[in-house]
Amino acid sequence: DEYLIKIQNSYFEFFKQVPDLRIVIIDVNNVDYANNTEDYDLMLDLFKKPYNQGITHVKAKIAD
């Protein structure tokens, strides 16, 4: 767990150094895109959206 957090933090530090890139971080908690076609389609829709340069945080939400 600590190892993965260190990797994540290293990536975030790198992302901050390249503000011209479009970085999208998607929170996929409670999303099962591997086994649920609605969740999978949601992920595809998120990938297709135009995002601004810099870091964008997105929470994948499934309709009730």
C-alpha atoms as a PDB file:
ATOM      1  CA  ASP A   1       0.000   0.000   0.000  1.00  0.00           C
ATOM      2  CA  GLU A   2       2.775   2.431   0.951  1.00  0.00           C
ATOM      3  CA  TYR A   3       4.686   1.457  -2.190  1.00  0.00           C
ATOM      4  CA  LEU A   4       1.724   2.310  -4.434  1.00  0.00           C
ATOM      5  CA  ILE A   5       1.227   5.645  -2.683  1.00  0.00           C
ATOM      6  CA  LYS A   6       4.876   6.514  -3.359  1.00  0.00           C
ATOM      7  CA  ILE A   7       4.424   5.680  -7.042  1.00  0.00           C
ATOM      8  CA  GLN A   8       1.253   7.760  -7.202  1.00  0.00           C
ATOM      9  CA  ASN A   9       2.936  10.723  -5.545  1.00  0.00           C
ATOM     10  CA  SER A  10       5.851  10.507  -7.977  1.00  0.00           C
ATOM     11  CA  TYR A  11       3.471  10.627 -10.925  1.00  0.00           C
ATOM     12  CA  PHE A  12       1.626  13.622  -9.472  1.00  0.00           C
ATOM     13  CA  GLU A  13       4.903  15.476  -8.982  1.00  0.00           C
ATOM     14  CA  PHE A  14       5.794  14.804 -12.612  1.00  0.00           C
ATOM     15  CA  PHE A  15       2.345  15.913 -13.816  1.00  0.00           C
ATOM     16  CA  LYS A  16       2.764  19.240 -12.017  1.00  0.00           C
ATOM     17  CA  GLN A  17       5.961  19.860 -13.991  1.00  0.00           C
ATOM     18  CA  VAL A  18       4.257  19.502 -17.394  1.00  0.00           C
ATOM     19  CA  PRO A  19       1.256  21.871 -17.284  1.00  0.00           C
ATOM     20  CA  ASP A  20       0.832  21.795 -21.076  1.00  0.00           C
ATOM     21  CA  LEU A  21      -0.317  18.172 -20.997  1.00  0.00           C
ATOM     22  CA  ARG A  22      -3.909  17.104 -20.499  1.00  0.00           C
ATOM     23  CA  ILE A  23      -3.945  14.784 -17.491  1.00  0.00           C
ATOM     24  CA  VAL A  24      -7.253  13.232 -16.459  1.00  0.00           C
ATOM     25  CA  ILE A  25      -7.456  11.369 -13.173  1.00  0.00           C
ATOM     26  CA  ILE A  26     -10.642   9.338 -12.917  1.00  0.00           C
ATOM     27  CA  ASP A  27     -11.913   8.076  -9.572  1.00  0.00           C
ATOM     28  CA  VAL A  28     -13.363   4.669 -10.424  1.00  0.00           C
ATOM     29  CA  ASN A  29     -14.439   3.609  -6.947  1.00  0.00           C
ATOM     30  CA  ASN A  30     -17.793   1.836  -7.200  1.00  0.00           C
ATOM     31  CA  VAL A  31     -17.377   1.423 -10.973  1.00  0.00           C
ATOM     32  CA  ASP A  32     -17.106  -2.038 -12.510  1.00  0.00           C
ATOM     33  CA  TYR A  33     -16.221  -1.301 -16.116  1.00  0.00           C
ATOM     34  CA  ALA A  34     -14.813  -4.804 -16.605  1.00  0.00           C
ATOM     35  CA  ASN A  35     -18.109  -6.591 -15.892  1.00  0.00           C
ATOM     36  CA  ASN A  36     -20.817  -3.954 -16.377  1.00  0.00           C
ATOM     37  CA  THR A  37     -21.521  -2.546 -19.837  1.00  0.00           C
ATOM     38  CA  GLU A  38     -23.111   0.646 -18.454  1.00  0.00           C
ATOM     39  CA  ASP A  39     -19.990   1.356 -16.430  1.00  0.00           C
ATOM     40  CA  TYR A  40     -17.833   0.566 -19.450  1.00  0.00           C
ATOM     41  CA  ASP A  41     -19.849   2.967 -21.620  1.00  0.00           C
ATOM     42  CA  LEU A  42     -19.501   5.636 -18.934  1.00  0.00           C
ATOM     43  CA  MET A  43     -15.732   5.254 -19.044  1.00  0.00           C
ATOM     44  CA  LEU A  44     -15.708   5.542 -22.844  1.00  0.00           C
ATOM     45  CA  ASP A  45     -17.767   8.736 -22.609  1.00  0.00           C
ATOM     46  CA  LEU A  46     -15.327  10.179 -20.073  1.00  0.00           C
ATOM     47  CA  PHE A  47     -12.388   9.383 -22.379  1.00  0.00           C
ATOM     48  CA  LYS A  48     -14.053  11.187 -25.297  1.00  0.00           C
ATOM     49  CA  LYS A  49     -14.647  14.485 -23.473  1.00  0.00           C
ATOM     50  CA  PRO A  50     -12.440  17.469 -24.221  1.00  0.00           C
ATOM     51  CA  TYR A  51     -10.373  18.377 -21.184  1.00  0.00           C
ATOM     52  CA  ASN A  52      -8.342  21.492 -20.498  1.00  0.00           C
ATOM     53  CA  GLN A  53      -4.588  21.439 -20.178  1.00  0.00           C
ATOM     54  CA  GLY A  54      -3.351  20.591 -16.731  1.00  0.00           C
ATOM     55  CA  ILE A  55      -4.675  18.098 -14.213  1.00  0.00           C
ATOM     56  CA  THR A  56      -8.394  17.352 -14.176  1.00  0.00           C
ATOM     57  CA  HIS A  57      -9.960  15.164 -11.492  1.00  0.00           C
ATOM     58  CA  VAL A  58     -13.164  13.360 -12.486  1.00  0.00           C
ATOM     59  CA  LYS A  59     -15.351  11.162 -10.326  1.00  0.00           C
ATOM     60  CA  ALA A  60     -17.056   8.477 -12.408  1.00  0.00           C
ATOM     61  CA  LYS A  61     -20.665   8.413 -11.274  1.00  0.00           C
ATOM     62  CA  ILE A  62     -23.174   5.804 -12.264  1.00  0.00           C
ATOM     63  CA  ALA A  63     -26.789   6.864 -12.717  1.00  0.00           C
ATOM     64  CA  ASP A  64     -29.143   5.309 -10.178  1.00  0.00           C
END
